[in-house]
């Protein structure tokens, strides 16, 4: 699963970790995040993220 980086603040969503603050379990792919999920650091939506290479 790919990691995704927030274009606004640089937060990296790592599916191996998930987003515990938003009750997103480890192993959740970015594509499987709810449509209303937002960056936990700056609050922008999923459309402001891009995939990154490891």
C-alpha atoms as a PDB file:
ATOM      1  CA  UNK A   1       0.000   0.000   0.000  1.00  0.00           C
ATOM      2  CA  UNK A   2       1.252   3.446  -0.910  1.00  0.00           C
ATOM      3  CA  UNK A   3       1.833   6.336   1.449  1.00  0.00           C
ATOM      4  CA  UNK A   4       0.219   9.671   0.649  1.00  0.00           C
ATOM      5  CA  UNK A   5       1.524  13.144   1.423  1.00  0.00           C
ATOM      6  CA  UNK A   6      -0.580  16.210   2.192  1.00  0.00           C
ATOM      7  CA  UNK A   7       0.281  18.941  -0.302  1.00  0.00           C
ATOM      8  CA  UNK A   8      -0.617  21.666   2.192  1.00  0.00           C
ATOM      9  CA  UNK A   9       1.343  20.695   5.318  1.00  0.00           C
ATOM     10  CA  UNK A  10       3.479  17.664   4.458  1.00  0.00           C
ATOM     11  CA  UNK A  11       1.648  15.162   6.702  1.00  0.00           C
ATOM     12  CA  UNK A  12       2.204  11.620   5.476  1.00  0.00           C
ATOM     13  CA  UNK A  13      -0.606   9.097   5.696  1.00  0.00           C
ATOM     14  CA  UNK A  14       0.994   5.707   6.233  1.00  0.00           C
ATOM     15  CA  UNK A  15      -1.465   2.812   5.829  1.00  0.00           C
ATOM     16  CA  UNK A  16       0.746   0.665   8.059  1.00  0.00           C
ATOM     17  CA  UNK A  17      -0.085   3.066  10.912  1.00  0.00           C
ATOM     18  CA  UNK A  18      -3.523   4.352   9.923  1.00  0.00           C
ATOM     19  CA  UNK A  19      -4.874   7.396  11.771  1.00  0.00           C
ATOM     20  CA  UNK A  20      -5.558   6.389  15.387  1.00  0.00           C
ATOM     21  CA  UNK A  21      -6.883   9.876  16.261  1.00  0.00           C
ATOM     22  CA  UNK A  22      -9.660   9.405  13.695  1.00  0.00           C
ATOM     23  CA  UNK A  23     -10.251   5.724  14.557  1.00  0.00           C
ATOM     24  CA  UNK A  24      -8.702   4.597  11.252  1.00  0.00           C
ATOM     25  CA  UNK A  25      -7.131   1.196  11.850  1.00  0.00           C
ATOM     26  CA  UNK A  26      -3.650   0.206  10.734  1.00  0.00           C
ATOM     27  CA  UNK A  27      -3.808  -1.535   7.370  1.00  0.00           C
ATOM     28  CA  UNK A  28      -6.400   0.864   5.912  1.00  0.00           C
ATOM     29  CA  UNK A  29      -5.430   1.890   2.387  1.00  0.00           C
ATOM     30  CA  UNK A  30      -5.730   5.592   1.518  1.00  0.00           C
ATOM     31  CA  UNK A  31      -8.346   4.717  -1.095  1.00  0.00           C
ATOM     32  CA  UNK A  32     -10.457   3.081   1.629  1.00  0.00           C
ATOM     33  CA  UNK A  33     -10.521   6.124   3.911  1.00  0.00           C
ATOM     34  CA  UNK A  34     -13.983   7.673   4.313  1.00  0.00           C
ATOM     35  CA  UNK A  35     -14.758  10.451   1.835  1.00  0.00           C
ATOM     36  CA  UNK A  36     -15.050  12.931   4.717  1.00  0.00           C
ATOM     37  CA  UNK A  37     -11.645  12.063   6.202  1.00  0.00           C
ATOM     38  CA  UNK A  38      -9.378  15.106   6.577  1.00  0.00           C
ATOM     39  CA  UNK A  39      -5.690  15.614   7.262  1.00  0.00           C
ATOM     40  CA  UNK A  40      -5.216  15.352  11.033  1.00  0.00           C
ATOM     41  CA  UNK A  41      -2.638  18.165  10.983  1.00  0.00           C
ATOM     42  CA  UNK A  42      -4.224  20.854   8.790  1.00  0.00           C
ATOM     43  CA  UNK A  43      -7.783  19.703   8.006  1.00  0.00           C
ATOM     44  CA  UNK A  44      -7.733  19.555   4.194  1.00  0.00           C
ATOM     45  CA  UNK A  45      -9.576  16.805   2.336  1.00  0.00           C
ATOM     46  CA  UNK A  46      -8.288  13.721   0.558  1.00  0.00           C
ATOM     47  CA  UNK A  47      -8.107  15.606  -2.743  1.00  0.00           C
ATOM     48  CA  UNK A  48      -5.102  17.537  -1.383  1.00  0.00           C
ATOM     49  CA  UNK A  49      -2.959  14.401  -1.060  1.00  0.00           C
ATOM     50  CA  UNK A  50      -0.656  12.759  -3.580  1.00  0.00           C
ATOM     51  CA  UNK A  51       0.990   9.321  -3.556  1.00  0.00           C
ATOM     52  CA  UNK A  52       4.668   9.192  -2.676  1.00  0.00           C
ATOM     53  CA  UNK A  53       7.345   6.611  -3.339  1.00  0.00           C
ATOM     54  CA  UNK A  54       9.036   4.889  -0.435  1.00  0.00           C
END
